[in-house]
Amino acid sequence: MNKHMRDKEMVNDVLSMTKSGLATYAHCISETANQQLRQTLQQIRNSDEQFQYQLYQMAEQKGFYAPAAQVDTQDIQQVKSQLRP
């Protein structure tokens, strides 16, 4: 296995783990009544979101990650209208 492939796998693993962690933070935040703990978890989540986005940008630049295809404005508006009460 070449270095490029190992790097790609490591980056994708970290992205996957970070995504999982973000979901866990969201769950914990929604279940936390203690305001100080809630704010701490939100700060950690925000920091992890920034890290994840920076890693994603690096992965995309190196060709490790291909984002989903762009959607047009009409499709976005259709989804929004379906989700609004």
Protein backbone atom coordinates (compact mmCIF):
# COMPACT_ATOMS: atom_id res chain seq x y z
CA MET A 1 0.00 0.00 0.00
CA ASN A 2 1.48 3.35 -0.96
CA LYS A 3 1.82 6.38 1.34
CA HIS A 4 -0.93 8.32 -0.47
CA MET A 5 -3.42 5.52 0.20
CA ARG A 6 -2.42 5.23 3.88
CA ASP A 7 -2.77 9.00 4.32
CA LYS A 8 -6.17 8.94 2.65
CA GLU A 9 -7.38 6.12 4.88
CA MET A 10 -6.13 7.86 8.03
CA VAL A 11 -7.79 11.15 7.10
CA ASN A 12 -11.07 9.43 6.26
CA ASP A 13 -10.93 7.50 9.56
CA VAL A 14 -10.41 10.73 11.53
CA LEU A 15 -13.23 12.43 9.61
CA SER A 16 -15.51 9.50 10.38
CA MET A 17 -14.58 9.46 14.08
CA THR A 18 -15.04 13.22 14.35
CA LYS A 19 -18.46 12.99 12.70
CA SER A 20 -19.47 10.30 15.18
CA GLY A 21 -18.21 12.40 18.07
CA LEU A 22 -20.21 15.40 16.87
CA ALA A 23 -23.37 13.30 16.90
CA THR A 24 -22.58 12.19 20.45
CA TYR A 25 -22.03 15.80 21.56
CA ALA A 26 -25.38 16.80 20.04
CA HIS A 27 -27.11 14.02 21.96
CA CYS A 28 -25.37 14.90 25.25
CA ILE A 29 -26.11 18.61 24.84
CA SER A 30 -29.80 17.94 24.30
CA GLU A 31 -29.91 15.76 27.44
CA THR A 32 -27.95 18.11 29.73
CA ALA A 33 -29.78 20.31 32.22
CA ASN A 34 -26.66 21.77 33.87
CA GLN A 35 -26.01 25.05 32.02
CA GLN A 36 -22.26 25.10 32.70
CA LEU A 37 -21.81 21.54 31.43
CA ARG A 38 -24.03 22.32 28.45
CA GLN A 39 -21.90 25.34 27.50
CA THR A 40 -18.69 23.34 27.90
CA LEU A 41 -20.01 20.59 25.63
CA GLN A 42 -21.12 23.19 23.08
CA GLN A 43 -17.65 24.76 23.08
CA ILE A 44 -16.00 21.37 22.58
CA ARG A 45 -18.47 20.55 19.80
CA ASN A 46 -17.82 23.88 18.08
CA SER A 47 -14.07 23.30 18.25
CA ASP A 48 -14.46 19.80 16.81
CA GLU A 49 -16.68 21.15 14.02
CA GLN A 50 -13.96 23.64 13.08
CA PHE A 51 -11.33 20.89 13.15
CA GLN A 52 -13.52 18.61 11.03
CA TYR A 53 -14.06 21.32 8.43
CA GLN A 54 -10.35 22.16 8.23
CA LEU A 55 -9.49 18.47 7.84
CA TYR A 56 -12.21 18.11 5.19
CA GLN A 57 -10.76 21.07 3.25
CA MET A 58 -7.28 19.51 3.36
CA ALA A 59 -8.66 16.12 2.30
CA GLU A 60 -10.54 17.66 -0.61
CA GLN A 61 -7.44 19.56 -1.78
CA LYS A 62 -5.38 16.36 -1.73
CA GLY A 63 -8.07 14.42 -3.59
CA PHE A 64 -8.82 12.21 -0.57
CA TYR A 65 -12.46 13.20 -0.40
CA ALA A 66 -15.00 14.06 -3.08
CA PRO A 67 -18.01 16.06 -1.86
CA ALA A 68 -21.52 15.27 -2.99
CA ALA A 69 -22.69 16.86 -6.21
CA GLN A 70 -24.07 20.40 -5.98
CA VAL A 71 -27.83 20.80 -6.00
CA ASP A 72 -29.69 23.65 -7.59
CA THR A 73 -31.59 26.35 -5.74
CA GLN A 74 -34.98 24.95 -6.73
CA ASP A 75 -34.20 21.60 -5.07
CA ILE A 76 -33.06 23.38 -1.90
CA GLN A 77 -36.25 25.44 -1.78
CA GLN A 78 -38.35 22.31 -2.28
CA VAL A 79 -36.71 20.58 0.69
CA LYS A 80 -37.07 23.70 2.84
CA SER A 81 -40.78 23.96 2.04
CA GLN A 82 -41.29 20.29 2.95
CA LEU A 83 -39.53 20.72 6.30
CA ARG A 84 -41.28 23.89 7.41
CA PRO A 85 -44.53 23.55 9.36
